[in-house]
């Protein structure tokens, strides 16, 4: 079961990386980066559930906080750039 979760998260990470690379707009790249952070945090959570070791759970929490704050800051930047 966890192997399937790792596989699906790896596919999602690759697709987000493609969107980050080929994104036509800055907002598409921001969404892709936020998705990559969310996918990385999810991989940490799946690893913690698989091994029973919760030592990296704070890293997952910090990833989600950094992702939220960075998305909000970049959204404010994009909003200020438009005429």
PDB file of N, CA and C in Angstrom:
ATOM      1  N   UNK A   1       0.816  -1.196   0.000  1.00  0.00           N
ATOM      2  CA  UNK A   1       0.000   0.000   0.000  1.00  0.00           C
ATOM      3  C   UNK A   1       0.858   1.256   0.000  1.00  0.00           C
ATOM      4  N   UNK A   2       1.894   1.258   0.804  1.00  0.00           N
ATOM      5  CA  UNK A   2       2.742   2.449   0.842  1.00  0.00           C
ATOM      6  C   UNK A   2       3.554   2.588  -0.439  1.00  0.00           C
ATOM      7  N   UNK A   3       3.861   1.463  -1.087  1.00  0.00           N
ATOM      8  CA  UNK A   3       4.583   1.540  -2.358  1.00  0.00           C
ATOM      9  C   UNK A   3       3.726   2.241  -3.411  1.00  0.00           C
ATOM     10  N   UNK A   4       2.425   1.973  -3.404  1.00  0.00           N
ATOM     11  CA  UNK A   4       1.523   2.661  -4.329  1.00  0.00           C
ATOM     12  C   UNK A   4       1.444   4.149  -4.000  1.00  0.00           C
ATOM     13  N   UNK A   5       1.429   4.485  -2.721  1.00  0.00           N
ATOM     14  CA  UNK A   5       1.394   5.897  -2.327  1.00  0.00           C
ATOM     15  C   UNK A   5       2.664   6.613  -2.751  1.00  0.00           C
ATOM     16  N   UNK A   6       3.819   5.955  -2.550  1.00  0.00           N
ATOM     17  CA  UNK A   6       5.078   6.547  -3.003  1.00  0.00           C
ATOM     18  C   UNK A   6       5.090   6.732  -4.517  1.00  0.00           C
ATOM     19  N   UNK A   7       4.577   5.757  -5.229  1.00  0.00           N
ATOM     20  CA  UNK A   7       4.546   5.841  -6.688  1.00  0.00           C
ATOM     21  C   UNK A   7       3.669   6.972  -7.186  1.00  0.00           C
ATOM     22  N   UNK A   8       2.477   7.089  -6.619  1.00  0.00           N
ATOM     23  CA  UNK A   8       1.578   8.163  -7.032  1.00  0.00           C
ATOM     24  C   UNK A   8       2.137   9.539  -6.668  1.00  0.00           C
ATOM     25  N   UNK A   9       2.765   9.638  -5.501  1.00  0.00           N
ATOM     26  CA  UNK A   9       3.365  10.924  -5.119  1.00  0.00           C
ATOM     27  C   UNK A   9       4.554  11.256  -6.008  1.00  0.00           C
ATOM     28  N   UNK A  10       5.316  10.252  -6.431  1.00  0.00           N
ATOM     29  CA  UNK A  10       6.441  10.499  -7.337  1.00  0.00           C
ATOM     30  C   UNK A  10       5.940  10.979  -8.702  1.00  0.00           C
ATOM     31  N   UNK A  11       4.852  10.386  -9.178  1.00  0.00           N
ATOM     32  CA  UNK A  11       4.267  10.835 -10.448  1.00  0.00           C
ATOM     33  C   UNK A  11       3.768  12.271 -10.317  1.00  0.00           C
ATOM     34  N   UNK A  12       3.114  12.573  -9.217  1.00  0.00           N
ATOM     35  CA  UNK A  12       2.634  13.939  -8.984  1.00  0.00           C
ATOM     36  C   UNK A  12       3.801  14.925  -8.923  1.00  0.00           C
ATOM     37  N   UNK A  13       4.891  14.526  -8.279  1.00  0.00           N
ATOM     38  CA  UNK A  13       6.059  15.397  -8.185  1.00  0.00           C
ATOM     39  C   UNK A  13       6.648  15.677  -9.562  1.00  0.00           C
ATOM     40  N   UNK A  14       6.726  14.657 -10.395  1.00  0.00           N
ATOM     41  CA  UNK A  14       7.254  14.849 -11.754  1.00  0.00           C
ATOM     42  C   UNK A  14       6.335  15.748 -12.569  1.00  0.00           C
ATOM     43  N   UNK A  15       5.032  15.556 -12.451  1.00  0.00           N
ATOM     44  CA  UNK A  15       4.102  16.398 -13.203  1.00  0.00           C
ATOM     45  C   UNK A  15       4.135  17.850 -12.724  1.00  0.00           C
ATOM     46  N   UNK A  16       4.277  18.048 -11.428  1.00  0.00           N
ATOM     47  CA  UNK A  16       4.426  19.418 -10.920  1.00  0.00           C
ATOM     48  C   UNK A  16       5.733  20.037 -11.407  1.00  0.00           C
ATOM     49  N   UNK A  17       6.792  19.240 -11.494  1.00  0.00           N
ATOM     50  CA  UNK A  17       8.071  19.748 -11.996  1.00  0.00           C
ATOM     51  C   UNK A  17       7.961  20.151 -13.469  1.00  0.00           C
ATOM     52  N   UNK A  18       7.208  19.376 -14.241  1.00  0.00           N
ATOM     53  CA  UNK A  18       6.990  19.737 -15.648  1.00  0.00           C
ATOM     54  C   UNK A  18       6.224  21.042 -15.736  1.00  0.00           C
ATOM     55  N   UNK A  19       5.206  21.197 -14.897  1.00  0.00           N
ATOM     56  CA  UNK A  19       4.439  22.450 -14.898  1.00  0.00           C
ATOM     57  C   UNK A  19       5.308  23.628 -14.456  1.00  0.00           C
ATOM     58  N   UNK A  20       6.202  23.381 -13.513  1.00  0.00           N
ATOM     59  CA  UNK A  20       7.115  24.437 -13.082  1.00  0.00           C
ATOM     60  C   UNK A  20       8.045  24.834 -14.212  1.00  0.00           C
ATOM     61  N   UNK A  21       8.513  23.862 -14.963  1.00  0.00           N
ATOM     62  CA  UNK A  21       9.449  24.122 -16.048  1.00  0.00           C
ATOM     63  C   UNK A  21       8.765  24.794 -17.234  1.00  0.00           C
ATOM     64  N   UNK A  22       7.568  24.308 -17.601  1.00  0.00           N
ATOM     65  CA  UNK A  22       6.924  24.776 -18.811  1.00  0.00           C
ATOM     66  C   UNK A  22       5.795  25.763 -18.565  1.00  0.00           C
ATOM     67  N   UNK A  23       5.547  26.129 -17.323  1.00  0.00           N
ATOM     68  CA  UNK A  23       4.417  26.993 -16.994  1.00  0.00           C
ATOM     69  C   UNK A  23       4.414  28.275 -17.800  1.00  0.00           C
ATOM     70  N   UNK A  24       3.294  28.575 -18.446  1.00  0.00           N
ATOM     71  CA  UNK A  24       3.287  29.776 -19.281  1.00  0.00           C
ATOM     72  C   UNK A  24       3.267  31.073 -18.478  1.00  0.00           C
ATOM     73  N   UNK A  25       2.751  31.024 -17.254  1.00  0.00           N
ATOM     74  CA  UNK A  25       2.655  32.249 -16.465  1.00  0.00           C
ATOM     75  C   UNK A  25       3.337  32.046 -15.114  1.00  0.00           C
ATOM     76  N   UNK A  26       3.565  33.155 -14.465  1.00  0.00           N
ATOM     77  CA  UNK A  26       4.165  33.099 -13.136  1.00  0.00           C
ATOM     78  C   UNK A  26       3.233  32.427 -12.136  1.00  0.00           C
ATOM     79  N   UNK A  27       1.935  32.668 -12.272  1.00  0.00           N
ATOM     80  CA  UNK A  27       0.995  32.049 -11.334  1.00  0.00           C
ATOM     81  C   UNK A  27       0.952  30.532 -11.502  1.00  0.00           C
ATOM     82  N   UNK A  28       1.111  30.019 -12.720  1.00  0.00           N
ATOM     83  CA  UNK A  28       1.158  28.567 -12.927  1.00  0.00           C
ATOM     84  C   UNK A  28       2.400  27.981 -12.280  1.00  0.00           C
ATOM     85  N   UNK A  29       3.503  28.702 -12.342  1.00  0.00           N
ATOM     86  CA  UNK A  29       4.732  28.227 -11.708  1.00  0.00           C
ATOM     87  C   UNK A  29       4.622  28.245 -10.185  1.00  0.00           C
ATOM     88  N   UNK A  30       3.942  29.232  -9.647  1.00  0.00           N
ATOM     89  CA  UNK A  30       3.742  29.302  -8.195  1.00  0.00           C
ATOM     90  C   UNK A  30       2.875  28.145  -7.719  1.00  0.00           C
ATOM     91  N   UNK A  31       1.826  27.844  -8.456  1.00  0.00           N
ATOM     92  CA  UNK A  31       0.960  26.717  -8.102  1.00  0.00           C
ATOM     93  C   UNK A  31       1.750  25.410  -8.180  1.00  0.00           C
ATOM     94  N   UNK A  32       2.595  25.270  -9.198  1.00  0.00           N
ATOM     95  CA  UNK A  32       3.413  24.063  -9.328  1.00  0.00           C
ATOM     96  C   UNK A  32       4.393  23.936  -8.167  1.00  0.00           C
ATOM     97  N   UNK A  33       5.015  25.019  -7.775  1.00  0.00           N
ATOM     98  CA  UNK A  33       5.943  24.978  -6.651  1.00  0.00           C
ATOM     99  C   UNK A  33       5.222  24.643  -5.350  1.00  0.00           C
ATOM    100  N   UNK A  34       4.037  25.196  -5.177  1.00  0.00           N
ATOM    101  CA  UNK A  34       3.245  24.874  -3.990  1.00  0.00           C
ATOM    102  C   UNK A  34       2.839  23.402  -3.994  1.00  0.00           C
ATOM    103  N   UNK A  35       2.503  22.885  -5.156  1.00  0.00           N
ATOM    104  CA  UNK A  35       2.174  21.471  -5.267  1.00  0.00           C
ATOM    105  C   UNK A  35       3.364  20.574  -4.977  1.00  0.00           C
ATOM    106  N   UNK A  36       4.550  21.007  -5.387  1.00  0.00           N
ATOM    107  CA  UNK A  36       5.754  20.223  -5.095  1.00  0.00           C
ATOM    108  C   UNK A  36       6.044  20.205  -3.597  1.00  0.00           C
ATOM    109  N   UNK A  37       5.843  21.329  -2.935  1.00  0.00           N
ATOM    110  CA  UNK A  37       6.024  21.361  -1.479  1.00  0.00           C
ATOM    111  C   UNK A  37       5.011  20.475  -0.776  1.00  0.00           C
ATOM    112  N   UNK A  38       3.776  20.507  -1.245  1.00  0.00           N
ATOM    113  CA  UNK A  38       2.737  19.661  -0.664  1.00  0.00           C
ATOM    114  C   UNK A  38       3.041  18.179  -0.894  1.00  0.00           C
ATOM    115  N   UNK A  39       3.532  17.855  -2.073  1.00  0.00           N
ATOM    116  CA  UNK A  39       3.877  16.472  -2.380  1.00  0.00           C
ATOM    117  C   UNK A  39       5.059  16.000  -1.534  1.00  0.00           C
ATOM    118  N   UNK A  40       6.044  16.859  -1.343  1.00  0.00           N
ATOM    119  CA  UNK A  40       7.173  16.499  -0.486  1.00  0.00           C
ATOM    120  C   UNK A  40       6.749  16.268   0.951  1.00  0.00           C
ATOM    121  N   UNK A  41       5.869  17.126   1.452  1.00  0.00           N
ATOM    122  CA  UNK A  41       5.349  16.929   2.799  1.00  0.00           C
ATOM    123  C   UNK A  41       4.540  15.654   2.915  1.00  0.00           C
ATOM    124  N   UNK A  42       3.793  15.339   1.871  1.00  0.00           N
ATOM    125  CA  UNK A  42       3.015  14.096   1.880  1.00  0.00           C
ATOM    126  C   UNK A  42       3.924  12.877   1.866  1.00  0.00           C
ATOM    127  N   UNK A  43       5.037  12.967   1.155  1.00  0.00           N
ATOM    128  CA  UNK A  43       6.001  11.853   1.163  1.00  0.00           C
ATOM    129  C   UNK A  43       6.584  11.648   2.557  1.00  0.00           C
ATOM    130  N   UNK A  44       6.832  12.733   3.257  1.00  0.00           N
ATOM    131  CA  UNK A  44       7.337  12.621   4.628  1.00  0.00           C
ATOM    132  C   UNK A  44       6.285  11.962   5.524  1.00  0.00           C
ATOM    133  N   UNK A  45       5.018  12.346   5.342  1.00  0.00           N
ATOM    134  CA  UNK A  45       3.943  11.763   6.148  1.00  0.00           C
ATOM    135  C   UNK A  45       3.744  10.279   5.845  1.00  0.00           C
ATOM    136  N   UNK A  46       3.848   9.891   4.577  1.00  0.00           N
ATOM    137  CA  UNK A  46       3.731   8.476   4.231  1.00  0.00           C
ATOM    138  C   UNK A  46       4.897   7.694   4.823  1.00  0.00           C
ATOM    139  N   UNK A  47       6.075   8.269   4.796  1.00  0.00           N
ATOM    140  CA  UNK A  47       7.236   7.614   5.398  1.00  0.00           C
ATOM    141  C   UNK A  47       7.041   7.452   6.903  1.00  0.00           C
ATOM    142  N   UNK A  48       6.503   8.459   7.552  1.00  0.00           N
ATOM    143  CA  UNK A  48       6.273   8.359   8.996  1.00  0.00           C
ATOM    144  C   UNK A  48       5.226   7.296   9.312  1.00  0.00           C
ATOM    145  N   UNK A  49       4.193   7.204   8.495  1.00  0.00           N
ATOM    146  CA  UNK A  49       3.178   6.175   8.721  1.00  0.00           C
ATOM    147  C   UNK A  49       3.723   4.782   8.437  1.00  0.00           C
ATOM    148  N   UNK A  50       4.611   4.681   7.468  1.00  0.00           N
ATOM    149  CA  UNK A  50       5.178   3.383   7.091  1.00  0.00           C
ATOM    150  C   UNK A  50       6.156   2.870   8.140  1.00  0.00           C
ATOM    151  N   UNK A  51       7.036   3.740   8.621  1.00  0.00           N
ATOM    152  CA  UNK A  51       8.066   3.305   9.557  1.00  0.00           C
ATOM    153  C   UNK A  51       7.644   3.432  11.018  1.00  0.00           C
ATOM    154  N   UNK A  52       6.658   4.245  11.302  1.00  0.00           N
ATOM    155  CA  UNK A  52       6.252   4.464  12.683  1.00  0.00           C
ATOM    156  C   UNK A  52       7.148   5.448  13.409  1.00  0.00           C
ATOM    157  N   UNK A  53       8.055   6.083  12.677  1.00  0.00           N
ATOM    158  CA  UNK A  53       8.988   7.055  13.257  1.00  0.00           C
ATOM    159  C   UNK A  53       8.507   8.455  12.887  1.00  0.00           C
ATOM    160  N   UNK A  54       8.133   9.232  13.866  1.00  0.00           N
ATOM    161  CA  UNK A  54       7.612  10.562  13.616  1.00  0.00           C
ATOM    162  C   UNK A  54       8.621  11.672  13.801  1.00  0.00           C
ATOM    163  N   UNK A  55       9.903  11.373  13.633  1.00  0.00           N
ATOM    164  CA  UNK A  55      10.923  12.386  13.899  1.00  0.00           C
ATOM    165  C   UNK A  55      10.951  13.489  12.841  1.00  0.00           C
ATOM    166  N   UNK A  56      10.418  13.233  11.644  1.00  0.00           N
ATOM    167  CA  UNK A  56      10.442  14.251  10.603  1.00  0.00           C
ATOM    168  C   UNK A  56       9.085  14.919  10.402  1.00  0.00           C
ATOM    169  N   UNK A  57       8.149  14.709  11.306  1.00  0.00           N
ATOM    170  CA  UNK A  57       6.832  15.309  11.149  1.00  0.00           C
ATOM    171  C   UNK A  57       6.878  16.831  11.255  1.00  0.00           C
ATOM    172  N   UNK A  58       7.777  17.350  12.058  1.00  0.00           N
ATOM    173  CA  UNK A  58       7.917  18.811  12.152  1.00  0.00           C
ATOM    174  C   UNK A  58       8.430  19.401  10.844  1.00  0.00           C
ATOM    175  N   UNK A  59       9.216  18.627  10.123  1.00  0.00           N
ATOM    176  CA  UNK A  59       9.689  19.086   8.805  1.00  0.00           C
ATOM    177  C   UNK A  59       8.497  19.211   7.857  1.00  0.00           C
ATOM    178  N   UNK A  60       7.576  18.260   7.912  1.00  0.00           N
ATOM    179  CA  UNK A  60       6.376  18.327   7.071  1.00  0.00           C
ATOM    180  C   UNK A  60       5.527  19.541   7.438  1.00  0.00           C
ATOM    181  N   UNK A  61       5.403  19.823   8.719  1.00  0.00           N
ATOM    182  CA  UNK A  61       4.644  20.993   9.153  1.00  0.00           C
ATOM    183  C   UNK A  61       5.320  22.278   8.674  1.00  0.00           C
ATOM    184  N   UNK A  62       6.626  22.326   8.778  1.00  0.00           N
ATOM    185  CA  UNK A  62       7.352  23.517   8.318  1.00  0.00           C
ATOM    186  C   UNK A  62       7.250  23.690   6.806  1.00  0.00           C
ATOM    187  N   UNK A  63       7.265  22.589   6.056  1.00  0.00           N
ATOM    188  CA  UNK A  63       7.093  22.682   4.607  1.00  0.00           C
ATOM    189  C   UNK A  63       5.737  23.274   4.250  1.00  0.00           C
ATOM    190  N   UNK A  64       4.690  22.846   4.932  1.00  0.00           N
ATOM    191  CA  UNK A  64       3.373  23.385   4.627  1.00  0.00           C
ATOM    192  C   UNK A  64       3.268  24.861   5.022  1.00  0.00           C
ATOM    193  N   UNK A  65       3.885  25.236   6.134  1.00  0.00           N
ATOM    194  CA  UNK A  65       3.857  26.655   6.530  1.00  0.00           C
ATOM    195  C   UNK A  65       4.638  27.523   5.558  1.00  0.00           C
ATOM    196  N   UNK A  66       5.804  27.071   5.155  1.00  0.00           N
ATOM    197  CA  UNK A  66       6.607  27.830   4.192  1.00  0.00           C
ATOM    198  C   UNK A  66       5.869  27.919   2.860  1.00  0.00           C
ATOM    199  N   UNK A  67       5.233  26.832   2.445  1.00  0.00           N
ATOM    200  CA  UNK A  67       4.474  26.844   1.197  1.00  0.00           C
ATOM    201  C   UNK A  67       3.326  27.832   1.243  1.00  0.00           C
ATOM    202  N   UNK A  68       2.595  27.856   2.340  1.00  0.00           N
ATOM    203  CA  UNK A  68       1.473  28.786   2.462  1.00  0.00           C
ATOM    204  C   UNK A  68       1.946  30.240   2.465  1.00  0.00           C
ATOM    205  N   UNK A  69       2.957  30.525   3.251  1.00  0.00           N
ATOM    206  CA  UNK A  69       3.444  31.905   3.349  1.00  0.00           C
ATOM    207  C   UNK A  69       4.043  32.370   2.029  1.00  0.00           C
ATOM    208  N   UNK A  70       4.828  31.517   1.374  1.00  0.00           N
ATOM    209  CA  UNK A  70       5.437  31.916   0.109  1.00  0.00           C
ATOM    210  C   UNK A  70       4.378  32.113  -0.975  1.00  0.00           C
ATOM    211  N   UNK A  71       3.350  31.293  -0.979  1.00  0.00           N
ATOM    212  CA  UNK A  71       2.276  31.470  -1.958  1.00  0.00           C
ATOM    213  C   UNK A  71       1.543  32.780  -1.723  1.00  0.00           C
ATOM    214  N   UNK A  72       1.299  33.116  -0.471  1.00  0.00           N
ATOM    215  CA  UNK A  72       0.621  34.378  -0.161  1.00  0.00           C
ATOM    216  C   UNK A  72       1.482  35.579  -0.560  1.00  0.00           C
ATOM    217  N   UNK A  73       2.773  35.509  -0.312  1.00  0.00           N
ATOM    218  CA  UNK A  73       3.666  36.617  -0.657  1.00  0.00           C
ATOM    219  C   UNK A  73       3.763  36.788  -2.167  1.00  0.00           C
ATOM    220  N   UNK A  74       3.896  35.697  -2.881  1.00  0.00           N
ATOM    221  CA  UNK A  74       4.014  35.792  -4.341  1.00  0.00           C
ATOM    222  C   UNK A  74       2.690  36.242  -4.952  1.00  0.00           C
ATOM    223  N   UNK A  75       1.561  35.837  -4.367  1.00  0.00           N
ATOM    224  CA  UNK A  75       0.266  36.307  -4.861  1.00  0.00           C
ATOM    225  C   UNK A  75       0.138  37.826  -4.686  1.00  0.00           C
ATOM    226  N   UNK A  76       0.625  38.326  -3.566  1.00  0.00           N
ATOM    227  CA  UNK A  76       0.617  39.790  -3.375  1.00  0.00           C
ATOM    228  C   UNK A  76       1.508  40.487  -4.389  1.00  0.00           C
ATOM    229  N   UNK A  77       2.656  39.865  -4.699  1.00  0.00           N
ATOM    230  CA  UNK A  77       3.552  40.429  -5.706  1.00  0.00           C
ATOM    231  C   UNK A  77       2.899  40.444  -7.081  1.00  0.00           C
ATOM    232  N   UNK A  78       2.250  39.352  -7.453  1.00  0.00           N
ATOM    233  CA  UNK A  78       1.582  39.284  -8.761  1.00  0.00           C
ATOM    234  C   UNK A  78       0.434  40.285  -8.821  1.00  0.00           C
ATOM    235  N   UNK A  79      -0.290  40.424  -7.720  1.00  0.00           N
ATOM    236  CA  UNK A  79      -1.407  41.363  -7.687  1.00  0.00           C
ATOM    237  C   UNK A  79      -0.922  42.797  -7.864  1.00  0.00           C
ATOM    238  N   UNK A  80       0.205  43.121  -7.285  1.00  0.00           N
ATOM    239  CA  UNK A  80       0.742  44.477  -7.409  1.00  0.00           C
ATOM    240  C   UNK A  80       1.333  44.761  -8.766  1.00  0.00           C
ATOM    241  N   UNK A  81       1.715  43.720  -9.504  1.00  0.00           N
ATOM    242  CA  UNK A  81       2.314  43.895 -10.815  1.00  0.00           C
ATOM    243  C   UNK A  81       1.303  44.191 -11.897  1.00  0.00           C
ATOM    244  N   UNK A  82       0.085  43.693 -11.758  1.00  0.00           N
ATOM    245  CA  UNK A  82      -0.914  43.861 -12.816  1.00  0.00           C
ATOM    246  C   UNK A  82      -1.444  45.299 -12.810  1.00  0.00           C
ATOM    247  N   UNK A  83      -1.775  45.826 -13.995  1.00  0.00           N
ATOM    248  CA  UNK A  83      -2.249  47.229 -14.062  1.00  0.00           C
ATOM    249  C   UNK A  83      -3.637  47.423 -13.551  1.00  0.00           C
TER     250      UNK A  83
END
